[in-house]
Protein backbone atom coordinates (compact mmCIF):
# COMPACT_ATOMS: atom_id res chain seq x y z
CA MET A 1 43.09 219.53 22.41
CA ALA A 2 42.89 222.70 24.33
CA GLY A 3 44.03 221.09 27.57
CA PRO A 4 47.35 219.96 26.38
CA ALA A 5 47.99 223.33 24.65
CA GLU A 6 47.46 225.03 27.83
CA THR A 7 49.67 222.66 29.77
CA LEU A 8 52.41 223.20 27.04
CA HIS A 9 52.04 227.03 27.43
CA ASP A 10 52.40 226.65 31.33
CA ASP A 11 55.54 224.67 30.93
CA ILE A 12 56.99 227.24 28.41
CA THR A 13 56.28 230.09 30.67
CA ALA A 14 57.96 228.41 33.60
CA VAL A 15 61.05 227.89 31.46
CA GLU A 16 61.09 231.43 30.51
CA ASP A 17 61.16 232.74 34.09
CA PRO A 18 62.39 230.20 36.56
CA GLN A 19 61.69 232.54 39.49
CA ALA A 20 58.00 233.14 38.49
CA PRO A 21 55.33 231.30 40.54
CA ARG A 22 53.97 228.15 39.18
CA ASN A 23 50.71 229.82 38.36
CA GLN A 24 52.08 232.42 36.17
CA GLY A 25 50.76 230.77 33.01
CA LYS A 26 47.22 231.42 34.12
CA GLU A 27 46.99 234.62 32.24
CA LYS A 28 43.59 234.15 30.58
CA ALA A 29 44.80 235.66 27.34
CA ALA A 30 47.49 233.11 27.06
CA ARG A 31 45.23 230.30 27.70
CA PHE A 32 42.79 231.54 25.12
CA LEU A 33 45.50 231.88 22.42
CA ALA A 34 47.15 228.58 23.40
CA ALA A 35 44.33 226.72 21.78
CA ILE A 36 44.61 228.61 18.45
CA ASP A 37 46.93 227.86 15.70
CA GLU A 38 49.67 230.24 14.99
CA GLY A 39 48.49 231.06 11.67
CA GLU A 40 45.03 232.10 12.98
CA ARG A 41 46.65 234.70 15.16
CA ALA A 42 47.77 236.97 12.33
CA PHE A 43 45.43 239.70 11.27
CA THR A 44 45.28 242.58 8.77
CA PRO A 45 45.06 246.32 9.51
CA GLU A 46 41.50 246.19 8.07
CA GLU A 47 40.51 243.45 10.53
CA GLU A 48 42.00 245.34 13.47
CA LYS A 49 40.20 248.64 12.39
CA ALA A 50 36.95 246.83 12.27
CA VAL A 51 37.31 245.10 15.49
CA LEU A 52 38.52 248.33 17.17
CA LYS A 53 35.44 250.15 15.86
CA ARG A 54 33.13 247.29 17.26
CA ILE A 55 34.90 247.65 20.69
CA ASP A 56 34.54 251.46 20.72
CA ARG A 57 30.88 251.30 19.91
CA ARG A 58 30.11 248.70 22.59
CA LEU A 59 32.50 249.70 25.43
CA LEU A 60 32.76 253.54 25.18
CA PRO A 61 29.09 254.31 25.62
CA LEU A 62 28.88 252.22 28.77
CA LEU A 63 32.13 253.62 30.18
CA LEU A 64 31.09 257.25 29.31
CA GLY A 65 27.66 256.55 31.01
CA ALA A 66 29.17 254.93 34.13
CA TYR A 67 31.56 257.80 34.73
CA PHE A 68 28.91 260.41 33.98
CA PHE A 69 26.53 259.06 36.61
CA GLN A 70 29.37 258.63 39.10
CA GLN A 71 30.35 262.23 38.66
CA LEU A 72 26.74 263.48 38.56
CA ASP A 73 25.70 261.65 41.67
CA LYS A 74 28.67 262.77 43.85
CA SER A 75 28.21 266.31 42.55
CA THR A 76 24.64 266.68 43.46
CA LEU A 77 25.81 268.11 46.91
CA SER A 78 27.54 271.01 45.21
CA TYR A 79 24.32 271.60 42.94
CA VAL A 80 21.93 271.62 45.99
CA SER A 81 24.20 273.81 48.10
CA ILE A 82 22.67 276.91 46.60
CA PHE A 83 19.12 275.81 46.97
CA GLY A 84 19.07 276.00 50.81
CA LEU A 85 20.68 272.65 51.88
CA VAL A 86 22.65 274.30 54.61
CA GLU A 87 19.60 275.89 55.99
CA ASP A 88 17.05 273.09 55.40
CA ALA A 89 19.33 270.37 57.04
CA ASN A 90 20.37 272.72 59.85
CA LEU A 91 24.22 272.40 58.90
CA HIS A 92 26.77 274.66 60.63
CA GLY A 93 30.45 275.02 60.98
CA GLN A 94 32.41 272.51 58.87
CA GLN A 95 29.52 270.04 58.49
CA TYR A 96 28.95 270.95 54.78
CA SER A 97 32.63 270.51 54.19
CA TRP A 98 32.57 267.22 55.72
CA LEU A 99 29.63 266.13 53.56
CA GLY A 100 32.02 266.79 50.61
CA SER A 101 34.99 265.07 52.21
CA ILE A 102 33.24 261.95 53.57
CA LEU A 103 32.48 260.55 50.13
CA TYR A 104 36.28 260.53 49.26
CA LEU A 105 37.12 259.11 52.64
CA ALA A 106 34.90 256.31 51.97
CA GLN A 107 36.50 255.76 48.50
CA LEU A 108 39.94 255.89 50.20
CA VAL A 109 38.94 253.03 52.58
CA MET A 110 37.43 250.89 49.72
CA GLN A 111 40.24 251.11 47.18
CA PRO A 112 42.14 247.98 48.47
CA ILE A 113 38.98 245.98 48.35
CA ALA A 114 38.18 247.40 44.87
CA ALA A 115 41.61 246.19 43.61
CA LEU A 116 41.07 242.68 45.05
CA LEU A 117 37.41 242.57 43.55
CA LEU A 118 38.71 243.66 40.09
CA VAL A 119 41.37 240.96 40.11
CA LYS A 120 39.07 238.13 41.27
CA LEU A 121 35.56 238.92 39.83
CA PRO A 122 34.00 239.48 36.31
CA THR A 123 34.60 243.26 35.48
CA GLY A 124 31.31 243.98 33.75
CA LYS A 125 29.08 242.53 36.30
CA LEU A 126 31.00 244.13 39.00
CA ILE A 127 30.65 247.60 37.45
CA GLY A 128 26.84 247.11 36.80
CA THR A 129 26.35 246.12 40.45
CA ALA A 130 28.38 249.03 41.84
CA ILE A 131 26.20 251.50 39.79
CA PHE A 132 23.09 249.95 40.93
CA LEU A 133 24.07 250.12 44.64
CA TRP A 134 25.39 253.75 44.57
CA GLY A 135 22.23 254.94 42.59
CA SER A 136 20.06 253.37 45.21
CA SER A 137 22.03 255.06 47.97
CA LEU A 138 21.58 258.48 46.36
CA ALA A 139 17.82 257.86 45.90
CA ILE A 140 17.57 256.92 49.60
CA MET A 141 19.45 259.94 50.49
CA ALA A 142 16.30 261.93 49.60
CA ALA A 143 14.84 260.77 53.03
CA CYS A 144 17.72 262.41 54.91
CA THR A 145 16.96 265.80 56.53
CA ASP A 146 19.81 266.21 59.00
CA PHE A 147 23.65 266.08 59.15
CA PRO A 148 24.08 262.54 60.64
CA SER A 149 21.82 260.84 58.06
CA LEU A 150 23.27 262.81 55.16
CA LEU A 151 26.83 261.98 56.36
CA GLY A 152 26.00 258.19 56.63
CA LEU A 153 24.40 258.10 53.02
CA ARG A 154 27.29 260.12 51.50
CA PHE A 155 29.70 257.51 53.01
CA THR A 156 27.69 254.68 51.52
CA LEU A 157 27.49 256.47 48.14
CA GLY A 158 31.26 256.87 48.09
CA ALA A 159 31.91 253.21 49.17
CA PHE A 160 30.02 251.94 46.15
CA GLU A 161 31.41 254.65 43.80
CA ALA A 162 34.91 253.60 44.79
CA MET A 163 34.67 250.85 42.18
CA ILE A 164 34.12 253.01 39.14
CA ALA A 165 37.39 254.79 38.60
CA PRO A 166 39.58 251.71 38.92
CA SER A 167 37.06 249.75 36.96
CA CYS A 168 37.32 252.24 34.05
CA VAL A 169 41.09 252.16 34.10
CA ALA A 170 41.06 248.31 34.24
CA VAL A 171 38.61 248.13 31.25
CA THR A 172 40.83 250.63 29.27
CA GLN A 173 43.92 248.61 29.92
CA MET A 174 42.02 245.23 29.08
CA TRP A 175 40.55 246.39 25.69
CA TRP A 176 42.80 249.04 24.03
CA ARG A 177 46.40 249.40 23.03
CA ARG A 178 48.58 251.68 24.90
CA GLY A 179 48.55 254.14 22.07
CA GLU A 180 44.84 254.22 22.16
CA GLN A 181 44.33 254.41 25.87
CA THR A 182 45.10 258.04 26.55
CA LEU A 183 42.38 259.39 24.27
CA ARG A 184 39.91 256.78 25.54
CA THR A 185 40.72 257.75 29.16
CA ALA A 186 40.14 261.33 28.17
CA TYR A 187 36.75 260.42 26.72
CA TRP A 188 35.28 258.81 29.84
CA ASN A 189 36.96 261.31 32.12
CA GLY A 190 35.50 264.07 29.98
CA MET A 191 32.13 263.24 31.52
CA ASN A 192 33.32 265.36 34.49
CA GLY A 193 32.77 268.37 32.28
CA VAL A 194 29.63 266.99 30.65
CA THR A 195 28.15 266.58 34.27
CA PHE A 196 28.73 270.34 34.91
CA VAL A 197 26.59 271.24 31.80
CA VAL A 198 23.90 268.42 32.16
CA GLY A 199 23.85 268.62 35.99
CA SER A 200 23.53 272.40 35.92
CA LEU A 201 20.52 272.19 33.56
CA PHE A 202 18.97 269.35 35.61
CA THR A 203 19.38 271.41 38.82
CA TYR A 204 18.02 274.50 37.11
CA GLY A 205 14.87 272.75 36.09
CA LEU A 206 14.37 270.63 39.22
CA GLY A 207 15.12 273.69 41.37
CA HIS A 208 11.92 275.41 40.02
CA ILE A 209 9.78 272.64 41.34
CA HIS A 210 7.81 273.70 44.47
CA SER A 211 6.65 271.14 46.91
CA ASP A 212 4.97 271.22 50.23
CA THR A 213 6.51 267.94 51.31
CA LEU A 214 9.90 267.90 49.77
CA TYR A 215 12.82 270.14 49.81
CA SER A 216 14.56 271.05 46.49
CA TYR A 217 17.68 268.98 47.46
CA GLN A 218 15.48 265.96 48.07
CA ILE A 219 13.83 266.14 44.67
CA ILE A 220 17.32 266.28 42.97
CA PHE A 221 18.67 263.44 44.95
CA MET A 222 15.75 261.15 44.04
CA PHE A 223 15.82 262.10 40.50
CA CYS A 224 19.49 261.53 39.94
CA GLY A 225 19.54 258.34 42.03
CA LEU A 226 16.68 256.65 40.19
CA LEU A 227 18.07 257.64 36.81
CA THR A 228 21.38 255.92 37.83
CA VAL A 229 19.63 252.68 38.84
CA VAL A 230 18.04 252.48 35.33
CA PHE A 231 21.36 252.80 33.70
CA SER A 232 22.87 250.13 35.87
CA LEU A 233 20.52 247.66 34.27
CA ALA A 234 21.95 248.52 30.83
CA VAL A 235 25.53 247.92 32.09
CA LEU A 236 24.60 244.55 33.63
CA THR A 237 23.10 243.57 30.26
CA PHE A 238 25.71 244.74 27.84
CA MET A 239 29.06 245.21 29.49
CA PRO A 240 31.40 242.17 28.61
CA ASP A 241 33.86 240.86 31.22
CA SER A 242 36.89 240.61 28.92
CA PRO A 243 37.82 240.33 25.26
CA MET A 244 37.93 236.51 25.64
CA GLU A 245 34.44 236.36 27.11
CA ALA A 246 32.66 238.98 25.08
CA LYS A 247 29.35 237.76 23.51
CA CYS A 248 29.26 240.82 21.22
CA LEU A 249 32.36 239.48 19.32
CA ASN A 250 32.57 236.36 17.20
CA HIS A 251 35.47 233.92 17.51
CA ARG A 252 37.59 235.54 14.87
CA GLU A 253 37.06 239.02 16.33
CA LYS A 254 38.06 237.79 19.88
CA ILE A 255 41.36 236.45 18.40
CA VAL A 256 42.13 239.82 17.00
CA ALA A 257 40.91 241.76 20.05
CA VAL A 258 43.31 239.74 22.17
CA GLU A 259 46.34 239.23 19.92
CA ARG A 260 46.43 242.95 19.12
CA LEU A 261 47.10 243.57 22.94
CA ARG A 262 50.27 241.52 22.91
CA ALA A 263 52.28 244.68 22.02
CA ASN A 264 51.23 246.32 25.37
CA GLN A 265 53.51 243.77 27.25
CA MET A 266 50.99 244.22 30.11
CA GLY A 267 48.70 241.16 29.90
CA VAL A 268 44.91 241.27 29.80
CA VAL A 269 43.32 239.53 32.82
CA SER A 270 44.31 236.70 35.10
CA ARG A 271 41.82 236.47 37.90
CA GLU A 272 44.63 235.39 40.14
CA TRP A 273 45.87 237.51 43.11
CA ARG A 274 49.59 237.58 43.29
CA TRP A 275 51.35 238.89 46.35
CA ASP A 276 54.71 239.33 44.56
CA HIS A 277 52.88 241.91 42.49
CA VAL A 278 51.56 243.64 45.67
CA TRP A 279 55.11 243.94 47.10
CA GLU A 280 56.51 245.21 43.85
CA THR A 281 53.83 247.99 43.81
CA LEU A 282 54.97 249.10 47.21
CA TYR A 283 58.66 249.34 46.49
CA ASP A 284 58.26 250.61 42.95
CA MET A 285 59.22 254.39 43.02
CA LYS A 286 56.85 255.05 40.18
CA THR A 287 53.88 254.17 42.38
CA TRP A 288 54.75 256.83 44.87
CA CYS A 289 55.45 259.36 41.96
CA TRP A 290 51.89 258.84 40.63
CA PHE A 291 50.47 258.91 44.33
CA PHE A 292 52.07 262.41 45.11
CA LEU A 293 51.13 263.82 41.72
CA ILE A 294 47.47 262.83 41.96
CA VAL A 295 47.31 264.14 45.63
CA SER A 296 48.71 267.47 44.53
CA ILE A 297 46.03 268.06 41.81
CA SER A 298 43.13 266.39 43.71
CA ILE A 299 43.26 268.78 46.61
CA PRO A 300 42.44 271.96 44.47
CA SER A 301 39.98 269.75 42.46
CA GLY A 302 38.19 268.59 45.52
CA GLY A 303 37.92 272.16 46.85
CA ILE A 304 36.70 273.64 43.63
CA SER A 305 34.23 270.71 43.08
CA THR A 306 32.64 271.28 46.47
CA PHE A 307 32.86 275.08 46.76
CA GLY A 308 32.66 276.15 43.10
CA ASN A 309 29.20 277.14 43.08
CA LEU A 310 29.53 279.10 46.39
CA ILE A 311 32.68 280.77 44.86
CA ILE A 312 30.71 281.94 41.79
CA LYS A 313 27.81 283.18 43.99
CA SER A 314 30.29 285.09 46.09
CA PHE A 315 31.07 287.08 42.97
CA GLY A 316 27.57 288.59 43.33
CA TYR A 317 25.41 286.44 41.32
CA GLY A 318 21.92 284.88 42.26
CA SER A 319 21.30 281.09 42.70
CA PHE A 320 19.95 280.46 39.17
CA GLU A 321 22.72 282.70 37.57
CA THR A 322 25.29 280.71 39.43
CA ILE A 323 23.97 277.40 38.06
CA LEU A 324 23.93 278.75 34.50
CA PHE A 325 27.39 280.39 34.86
CA ASN A 326 28.67 276.70 35.74
CA ILE A 327 27.85 275.48 32.27
CA PRO A 328 30.79 277.15 30.49
CA PHE A 329 33.04 275.69 33.21
CA GLY A 330 32.01 272.20 32.22
CA VAL A 331 32.28 272.86 28.59
CA ILE A 332 35.82 274.13 29.10
CA GLN A 333 36.59 270.98 31.12
CA VAL A 334 35.46 268.76 28.26
CA ILE A 335 37.62 270.72 25.81
CA ALA A 336 40.60 270.58 28.18
CA ILE A 337 40.22 266.86 29.02
CA VAL A 338 39.66 265.67 25.42
CA GLY A 339 42.03 268.24 23.93
CA GLY A 340 44.77 267.32 26.35
CA GLY A 341 44.32 263.64 25.64
CA TRP A 342 44.66 264.32 21.89
CA VAL A 343 47.69 266.45 22.27
CA ALA A 344 49.27 263.91 24.67
CA THR A 345 48.57 261.15 22.17
CA ARG A 346 49.80 263.06 19.19
CA PHE A 347 53.08 264.18 20.69
CA GLN A 348 53.42 261.47 23.34
CA ARG A 349 54.35 264.03 26.02
CA LYS A 350 52.00 263.77 28.95
CA GLY A 351 54.22 265.55 31.46
CA LEU A 352 54.55 268.76 29.36
CA VAL A 353 50.78 268.79 28.81
CA ILE A 354 50.26 268.41 32.51
CA VAL A 355 52.71 271.37 33.14
CA GLY A 356 50.76 273.46 30.71
CA PHE A 357 47.37 272.73 32.39
CA ALA A 358 48.83 273.47 35.88
CA THR A 359 50.20 276.82 34.70
CA ILE A 360 46.80 277.94 33.18
CA SER A 361 44.96 276.96 36.44
CA ALA A 362 47.53 278.72 38.41
CA ILE A 363 46.94 281.90 36.45
CA GLY A 364 43.16 281.60 37.00
CA THR A 365 43.53 281.10 40.69
CA LEU A 366 45.90 284.09 40.98
CA LEU A 367 43.22 286.36 39.30
CA MET A 368 40.57 285.13 41.76
CA ILE A 369 42.93 286.12 44.68
CA VAL A 370 44.07 289.51 43.57
CA VAL A 371 41.11 290.93 41.37
CA PRO A 372 38.58 293.11 43.39
CA ARG A 373 35.00 291.67 43.78
CA GLU A 374 33.58 294.57 41.72
CA GLN A 375 35.14 293.10 38.54
CA LYS A 376 32.84 290.15 38.24
CA GLY A 377 33.78 289.44 34.49
CA VAL A 378 37.58 288.99 35.34
CA LEU A 379 36.78 286.81 38.35
CA LEU A 380 34.58 284.59 36.36
CA PHE A 381 37.32 284.43 33.60
CA GLY A 382 39.78 283.40 36.29
CA TYR A 383 37.33 280.82 37.60
CA TYR A 384 37.02 279.38 34.04
CA LEU A 385 40.82 279.15 33.52
CA VAL A 386 40.91 277.00 36.76
CA SER A 387 38.58 274.53 34.96
CA PHE A 388 41.74 273.39 33.01
CA LEU A 389 42.85 271.42 36.08
CA ALA A 390 40.26 268.81 35.06
CA GLY A 391 42.55 267.84 32.20
CA ILE A 392 45.36 266.72 34.52
CA THR A 393 43.58 263.83 36.33
CA PRO A 394 42.87 261.65 33.24
CA LEU A 395 46.35 262.23 31.92
CA VAL A 396 47.67 260.85 35.29
CA TYR A 397 45.33 257.88 35.09
CA ALA A 398 46.54 257.07 31.52
CA TRP A 399 50.21 257.74 32.54
CA GLU A 400 50.20 255.23 35.39
CA ALA A 401 48.05 252.66 33.44
CA GLN A 402 50.36 252.62 30.50
CA ASN A 403 53.47 252.21 32.57
CA THR A 404 52.42 249.22 34.71
CA ALA A 405 52.29 245.62 33.71
CA GLY A 406 51.01 242.53 35.56
CA ASP A 407 47.34 242.07 36.36
CA THR A 408 47.51 242.31 40.14
CA LYS A 409 50.19 245.07 39.93
CA ARG A 410 48.07 247.14 37.57
CA LYS A 411 45.14 246.91 39.91
CA CYS A 412 47.23 247.57 43.05
CA THR A 413 48.95 250.50 41.37
CA SER A 414 45.52 252.04 40.37
CA ALA A 415 44.32 251.52 43.95
CA VAL A 416 47.25 253.52 45.45
CA VAL A 417 46.68 256.15 42.70
CA LEU A 418 42.97 256.44 43.51
CA ILE A 419 43.77 256.39 47.28
CA GLY A 420 45.92 259.56 46.52
CA MET A 421 42.90 260.98 44.62
CA CYS A 422 40.57 260.38 47.39
CA ALA A 423 42.94 261.67 50.01
CA GLY A 424 43.35 264.85 47.95
CA ASN A 425 39.71 265.25 47.57
CA VAL A 426 39.16 264.73 51.36
CA ILE A 427 41.70 267.42 52.19
CA GLY A 428 40.47 269.91 49.44
CA PRO A 429 37.08 270.87 50.95
CA GLN A 430 38.65 271.32 54.32
CA LEU A 431 40.86 274.10 53.08
CA TYR A 432 37.68 276.08 52.32
CA SER A 433 34.81 276.96 54.80
CA THR A 434 31.61 278.77 54.42
CA SER A 435 33.00 281.29 56.99
CA GLN A 436 35.75 282.33 54.36
CA ALA A 437 33.04 283.87 52.18
CA PRO A 438 33.10 285.87 50.04
CA LEU A 439 36.90 285.91 49.31
CA TYR A 440 37.91 282.25 50.13
CA ARG A 441 41.42 283.59 50.19
CA PRO A 442 43.08 280.70 52.29
CA GLY A 443 41.62 277.96 50.06
CA LEU A 444 42.68 279.80 46.77
CA ILE A 445 46.30 280.45 48.01
CA ALA A 446 46.69 276.72 48.93
CA ASN A 447 45.45 275.84 45.40
CA LEU A 448 47.89 278.14 43.73
CA ILE A 449 50.82 276.56 45.59
CA LEU A 450 49.75 273.00 44.69
CA PHE A 451 49.45 273.94 40.94
CA VAL A 452 53.23 274.83 41.08
CA ILE A 453 53.95 271.58 42.76
CA VAL A 454 51.97 269.66 40.16
CA GLY A 455 54.21 271.05 37.48
CA VAL A 456 57.31 270.18 39.35
CA PHE A 457 56.10 266.63 39.95
CA ALA A 458 55.15 266.05 36.19
CA ILE A 459 58.72 267.02 35.10
CA LEU A 460 60.44 264.84 37.57
CA ILE A 461 58.31 261.79 36.64
CA ASN A 462 59.03 262.30 32.97
CA LEU A 463 62.83 262.28 33.63
CA TYR A 464 62.47 259.09 35.82
CA LEU A 465 60.70 257.20 33.02
CA ILE A 466 63.53 258.14 30.62
CA TYR A 467 66.06 256.64 33.14
CA LEU A 468 64.01 253.43 33.44
CA ASN A 469 63.95 253.02 29.63
CA ARG A 470 67.70 253.43 29.53
CA LYS A 471 68.02 250.83 32.37
CA HIS A 472 65.93 248.32 30.52
CA ALA A 473 67.86 248.97 27.31
CA GLN A 474 70.98 248.11 29.20
CA ARG A 475 69.39 244.91 30.60
CA ARG A 476 68.46 243.86 27.10
CA LEU A 477 71.99 244.26 25.87
CA ASP A 478 73.31 242.30 28.84
CA LEU A 479 70.91 239.41 27.93
CA GLY A 480 72.19 239.44 24.28
CA LYS A 481 69.04 241.16 22.92
CA SER A 482 68.72 244.20 20.87
CA ALA A 483 68.94 247.39 22.97
CA GLN A 484 66.33 249.21 20.88
CA ILE A 485 62.77 247.89 20.40
CA VAL A 486 59.85 249.41 18.24
CA ASP A 487 57.04 249.99 20.67
CA GLU A 488 54.14 248.57 18.64
CA SER A 489 51.66 249.40 21.35
CA MET A 490 51.97 253.09 20.51
CA LEU A 491 51.60 252.64 16.68
CA GLY A 492 48.73 251.55 14.46
CA LYS A 493 48.92 248.04 12.94
CA ASP A 494 49.61 249.49 9.48
CA LYS A 495 52.51 251.39 10.75
CA VAL A 496 54.31 248.72 12.60
CA GLY A 497 56.09 247.11 9.72
CA LYS A 498 57.13 250.45 8.23
CA ALA A 499 58.55 251.62 11.51
CA VAL A 500 60.73 248.55 11.72
CA GLU A 501 61.97 248.89 8.11
CA LEU A 502 62.73 252.62 8.61
CA GLU A 503 64.74 252.12 11.89
CA ASP A 504 68.20 250.89 12.31
CA VAL A 505 68.82 247.12 11.61
CA ASN A 506 69.53 246.70 15.26
CA VAL A 507 65.95 247.75 16.19
CA VAL A 508 63.44 244.93 16.45
CA SER A 509 59.78 244.62 17.37
CA HIS A 510 58.38 242.83 20.44
CA GLN A 511 57.38 239.94 18.04
CA GLY A 512 60.99 239.71 16.94
CA GLN A 513 62.23 238.99 20.51
CA ALA A 514 63.31 235.46 21.37
CA GLU A 515 61.06 235.44 24.38
CA ASP A 516 57.59 237.28 24.33
CA LYS A 517 56.27 238.12 27.74
CA GLY A 518 53.27 239.97 26.50
CA PHE A 519 50.76 237.54 28.15
CA SER A 520 53.01 236.01 30.79
CA ASP A 521 51.51 238.27 33.58
CA THR A 522 55.02 239.59 34.15
CA THR A 523 55.45 243.11 35.90
CA ASP A 524 57.01 246.01 34.00
CA LEU A 525 60.22 246.03 36.23
CA LYS A 526 60.88 242.42 35.67
CA ASN A 527 60.10 242.60 31.85
CA GLU A 528 63.18 244.06 30.11
CA ASP A 529 61.19 244.39 26.94
CA PHE A 530 58.67 246.79 28.60
CA ILE A 531 59.04 250.20 27.24
CA TYR A 532 57.90 253.27 29.39
CA VAL A 533 55.83 255.96 27.77
CA TYR A 534 56.02 259.59 28.46
């Protein structure tokens, strides 16, 4: 019975979009629902709430852990920098800076491959395998005692870590409604700040270990790497590949988990690589808006991430004081990331939140540039204000993810954005040098300029999305549809009906449209029912 239903759905899809490739009906969510009676697809707010809670409990801890270990492992370089790495490994000139940049250079190179693998392979198994491989790379790095070997293993570490950010974005798109995605993205990205706290405490403790055979940095590399390998086994065991394949959900819960995503108008997963989506990614102006925005914030982020401890030390603090003073930096990052996600969700204005964070970071940078080195407290306060930059990147991830539809296009757009993130993080450490100590003025001035650019880009993108919504509304009118649509993906299930009742009679929901392209693997530009969010 399932076979004919799938065939019928494919035929219907082909009729809806004559220009679509013949394989367009292969969206896995569409195939799954095609075998289910129409009456079974309806669900109550209570059912949705229970399923959402189950999804959160299973997926969020795994995503949080994966992003935590990714951030911890790549940040070990910054932690060990104040424990004699430069001297013990005989680093000189820009070699330390290149150890920071090479990881992101590897991630940049691997992003196209990551996009292809995320479309073609089971997501859960892919994430678990990537975590195992980069954890092993970090543990092996403990054997490196010179620049060439450290550079090679840092490249390997970055190559495998290239999977995690696009994977987290893909999982967030695959399991949650658009209105839920910003806060979930903030949760797993908030691990950046948690890493500063936990990593600093780990380093503080491990740095007190004295060994006649191992340098302090070797002990830290080995500890963090082996801990990551252990966590990878948990991900391989418990991370489901998609809502349709989740063993942690029963059949009814799978139906609710999939059907509730219809309002996203983005699809779930297809496992089919489509070149028309690739080309659209490249000529879509939004793609390059996200790209330049993420580059602009990643350059200062990469510089601060690599040289942060050295900057604090330049204020006149000792090695262990520097480690402890980094803990508030991480706490503020968590507050900024999660708080920014909540504010952006509550008021649905990501662009304005980004402008606010960029302004705060610019003020902090300005303080570090102009305040004399004798005023340690003011300098430290400025450094802490800069930590608000961490709230911008997850908002960019959520912004691009919520405004891109079509499985291959989603992965490709994320790849372009992450290439921009990597490029920025490659450039960032190069703006600093150990020879700039103690003022680090050239790097800080460059960061100040970039924070201003970030604010300008955020405003321009917001205006462009408004323009695209008006353009889609006009297309709906031209096709004889209602110009206004209630965006159910940004509402709770219990509010959808009320919203439709309260709006003008000419406003309809996605389910009220004659043609529903929610699971047709149609891109956002070609789906006139897609609503862009700010």
